[in-house]
Amino acid sequence: MTASPACDSRWVLLQADIADAVENLADGAALYREELPEPSTRASLRRREKAFQKFLQDGYSSVERALIRVLELFDGTPPQGRSWHSDLLRLAVAWQAPAGASGPVRPPFAPALLADLRLLLQFRHVAMHGYSEFDLSLARPAAEAAARVAAALPAAAEEFGRAAGLLPPA
């Protein structure tokens, strides 16, 4: 997913968000998979949990920045209100053009990743609002989703970039 001289300049900012997301999600998934000795103290377990949460929160926040950028580039303003996080996924990733739409239609962004992105959104909510209730041993689904998104996001973003006219044809 390298910038090309022929790509739309708006792609550079979107690409930076994607790169941040991939790095943080991959690091969080790797930390979860590491065969580390059992933490000897509650403090060491807490540091490991917090590092994992931070990687996934930062990674998902970078995905949201990219999705907001997509909406701003093509559709105007991003969603607002209490459900803006889930609305953002619906508008950017699960987007279906209205029947009979005329003119250019923005393609959805990485629709194959929708289920994993929803899982990461749910994880982010638990991490942000669960306070001291977080249990790293229950985070496997989020860690696995993070690994899948990190692996697939660069190609999915490039596919979107080409379909949306931000990148030249392959």
Foldseek 3Di string as FASTA:
>chain_A
DDDDPPFAPLVVVLVVLLVLLLVLLQVLLVLLPDPDPDDPDPVVVVVSVVSSLVSLLRNLVSVLVSLQSVCCVPPNGQDDDDCRVVVSCCCAQVDDDPPPDDDDDQDHQPNVLSVLSVVSVVSNCCSVPVVPVDDSVPCVSNSVSSNVCSVCRVVSRVVSSPSRRRDPDD
